[in-house]
């Protein structure tokens, strides 16, 4: 009887591990790159919220930093930012077939631009693989259009 319980528990454990492993392997999603843009909030009376085009780049890495932010609704505080150096990015092409590997945990991105002043955006980044070349790196979440 003990052997039967042992084999049943072992089989259940192996089945669970195998099921979870295959689920993770299938969880990557494919899509195409599009021109990323974001609506920038302007909190002035009668102000409009302009749309800004983001550079369509691929970065090999990013830094994660707690940075002070000011919110019109909640006041100030620190929030995790993914920090990207514009000068370290390589140009991507709209329509490139990609596979999404993971999503960064930050809700904000600070882009240290080549123009000098850093720019903060309320968006995330994703690690992708370019299907044609196998190259991997990070790009804007807003640059990914998932396949249906």
Protein backbone atom coordinates (compact mmCIF):
# COMPACT_ATOMS: atom_id res chain seq x y z
CA UNK A 1 0.00 0.00 0.00
CA UNK A 2 2.84 2.40 0.86
CA UNK A 3 4.50 1.68 -2.47
CA UNK A 4 1.30 2.56 -4.29
CA UNK A 5 0.98 5.88 -2.46
CA UNK A 6 4.68 6.62 -3.09
CA UNK A 7 4.31 5.93 -6.82
CA UNK A 8 1.10 7.95 -7.01
CA UNK A 9 2.70 10.96 -5.31
CA UNK A 10 5.83 10.67 -7.46
CA UNK A 11 3.76 10.44 -10.64
CA UNK A 12 1.65 13.45 -9.58
CA UNK A 13 4.76 15.51 -8.82
CA UNK A 14 6.40 14.64 -12.16
CA UNK A 15 3.17 15.33 -14.03
CA UNK A 16 2.87 18.76 -12.35
CA UNK A 17 6.49 19.67 -13.10
CA UNK A 18 6.17 18.58 -16.72
CA UNK A 19 2.90 20.47 -17.13
CA UNK A 20 4.34 23.68 -15.70
CA UNK A 21 7.48 23.43 -17.82
CA UNK A 22 5.56 23.03 -21.06
CA UNK A 23 3.26 25.88 -20.05
CA UNK A 24 6.24 28.21 -19.60
CA UNK A 25 7.69 27.18 -22.96
CA UNK A 26 4.41 28.00 -24.68
CA UNK A 27 3.91 31.30 -22.84
CA UNK A 28 6.12 33.35 -25.18
CA UNK A 29 4.02 35.40 -27.55
CA UNK A 30 4.84 36.49 -31.06
CA UNK A 31 4.05 39.72 -32.81
CA UNK A 32 5.32 42.54 -34.95
CA UNK A 33 7.05 45.79 -34.09
CA UNK A 34 5.15 49.02 -34.57
CA UNK A 35 6.08 52.67 -34.06
CA UNK A 36 5.75 53.23 -30.28
CA UNK A 37 4.00 56.33 -29.03
CA UNK A 38 2.66 57.49 -25.71
CA UNK A 39 0.22 60.15 -24.61
CA UNK A 40 1.97 62.62 -22.32
CA UNK A 41 -0.30 63.94 -19.58
CA UNK A 42 -0.37 67.71 -19.16
CA UNK A 43 -2.08 68.76 -15.93
CA UNK A 44 -2.94 72.34 -16.76
CA UNK A 45 -6.37 73.83 -17.08
CA UNK A 46 -7.42 73.42 -20.68
CA UNK A 47 -4.17 71.61 -21.52
CA UNK A 48 -4.16 68.91 -24.14
CA UNK A 49 -2.32 65.62 -23.84
CA UNK A 50 0.07 65.43 -26.80
CA UNK A 51 1.18 62.11 -28.26
CA UNK A 52 4.95 61.63 -28.39
CA UNK A 53 6.67 59.11 -30.67
CA UNK A 54 9.30 57.04 -28.87
CA UNK A 55 12.48 55.90 -30.61
CA UNK A 56 12.10 52.35 -31.94
CA UNK A 57 15.30 50.92 -30.44
CA UNK A 58 16.61 47.69 -28.97
CA UNK A 59 18.72 47.86 -25.81
CA UNK A 60 20.86 44.97 -24.55
CA UNK A 61 20.30 45.98 -20.91
CA UNK A 62 18.81 48.59 -18.62
CA UNK A 63 19.34 49.88 -15.08
CA UNK A 64 16.65 49.81 -12.42
CA UNK A 65 16.49 52.85 -10.10
CA UNK A 66 14.08 54.33 -7.56
CA UNK A 67 13.40 57.86 -8.82
CA UNK A 68 11.28 60.64 -7.33
CA UNK A 69 8.12 61.31 -9.28
CA UNK A 70 5.43 63.89 -8.82
CA UNK A 71 1.82 62.98 -9.40
CA UNK A 72 -0.88 65.62 -9.65
CA UNK A 73 -3.22 63.29 -7.75
CA UNK A 74 -0.99 61.66 -5.10
CA UNK A 75 1.81 64.17 -4.58
CA UNK A 76 5.39 62.91 -4.58
CA UNK A 77 7.20 59.67 -3.89
CA UNK A 78 9.70 57.26 -5.35
CA UNK A 79 8.91 54.68 -7.98
CA UNK A 80 10.94 52.02 -9.78
CA UNK A 81 12.12 53.16 -13.21
CA UNK A 82 13.81 51.19 -15.97
CA UNK A 83 16.60 53.52 -17.08
CA UNK A 84 17.65 53.36 -20.74
CA UNK A 85 20.51 55.20 -22.47
CA UNK A 86 19.32 56.35 -25.89
CA UNK A 87 22.91 56.34 -27.18
CA UNK A 88 23.21 52.59 -26.42
CA UNK A 89 20.13 51.57 -28.42
CA UNK A 90 20.19 50.08 -31.90
CA UNK A 91 17.57 50.98 -34.49
CA UNK A 92 14.70 48.55 -35.14
CA UNK A 93 12.38 48.42 -38.14
CA UNK A 94 8.58 48.62 -38.06
CA UNK A 95 7.06 45.29 -39.12
CA UNK A 96 9.90 43.14 -37.77
CA UNK A 97 8.66 39.74 -36.53
CA UNK A 98 9.47 39.26 -32.84
CA UNK A 99 8.88 36.95 -29.92
CA UNK A 100 8.26 38.40 -26.42
CA UNK A 101 10.39 36.67 -23.78
CA UNK A 102 9.54 38.62 -20.61
CA UNK A 103 8.26 41.91 -19.27
CA UNK A 104 10.22 44.19 -16.94
CA UNK A 105 8.65 44.95 -13.55
CA UNK A 106 8.96 48.73 -13.75
CA UNK A 107 5.92 50.88 -14.53
CA UNK A 108 7.99 53.86 -15.65
CA UNK A 109 10.90 54.32 -18.03
CA UNK A 110 13.51 57.07 -17.87
CA UNK A 111 15.15 57.64 -21.23
CA UNK A 112 18.47 59.47 -20.95
CA UNK A 113 18.33 61.08 -24.35
CA UNK A 114 21.23 62.16 -26.54
CA UNK A 115 19.74 65.67 -26.42
CA UNK A 116 20.65 65.96 -22.74
CA UNK A 117 17.55 66.09 -20.55
CA UNK A 118 16.19 62.76 -19.28
CA UNK A 119 12.59 62.01 -20.16
CA UNK A 120 10.24 59.96 -17.96
CA UNK A 121 7.45 57.92 -19.51
CA UNK A 122 4.60 56.00 -17.93
CA UNK A 123 5.14 52.76 -19.85
CA UNK A 124 7.09 49.53 -19.54
CA UNK A 125 9.64 47.58 -21.54
CA UNK A 126 9.81 43.97 -22.75
CA UNK A 127 12.65 41.62 -23.58
CA UNK A 128 12.19 40.39 -27.14
CA UNK A 129 13.88 38.11 -29.64
CA UNK A 130 14.03 39.11 -33.30
CA UNK A 131 12.87 35.99 -35.14
CA UNK A 132 15.02 36.51 -38.25
CA UNK A 133 18.34 37.13 -36.48
CA UNK A 134 17.86 35.64 -32.99
CA UNK A 135 19.07 38.92 -31.46
CA UNK A 136 17.63 39.61 -27.99
CA UNK A 137 17.14 42.83 -26.08
CA UNK A 138 14.69 45.27 -24.52
CA UNK A 139 12.23 47.56 -26.25
CA UNK A 140 9.11 49.54 -25.38
CA UNK A 141 5.95 47.61 -24.49
CA UNK A 142 4.15 50.10 -26.72
CA UNK A 143 6.23 48.88 -29.70
CA UNK A 144 4.75 45.37 -29.68
CA UNK A 145 1.64 44.43 -31.63
CA UNK A 146 0.75 40.86 -30.67
CA UNK A 147 -0.42 38.28 -33.20
CA UNK A 148 -4.05 37.25 -32.85
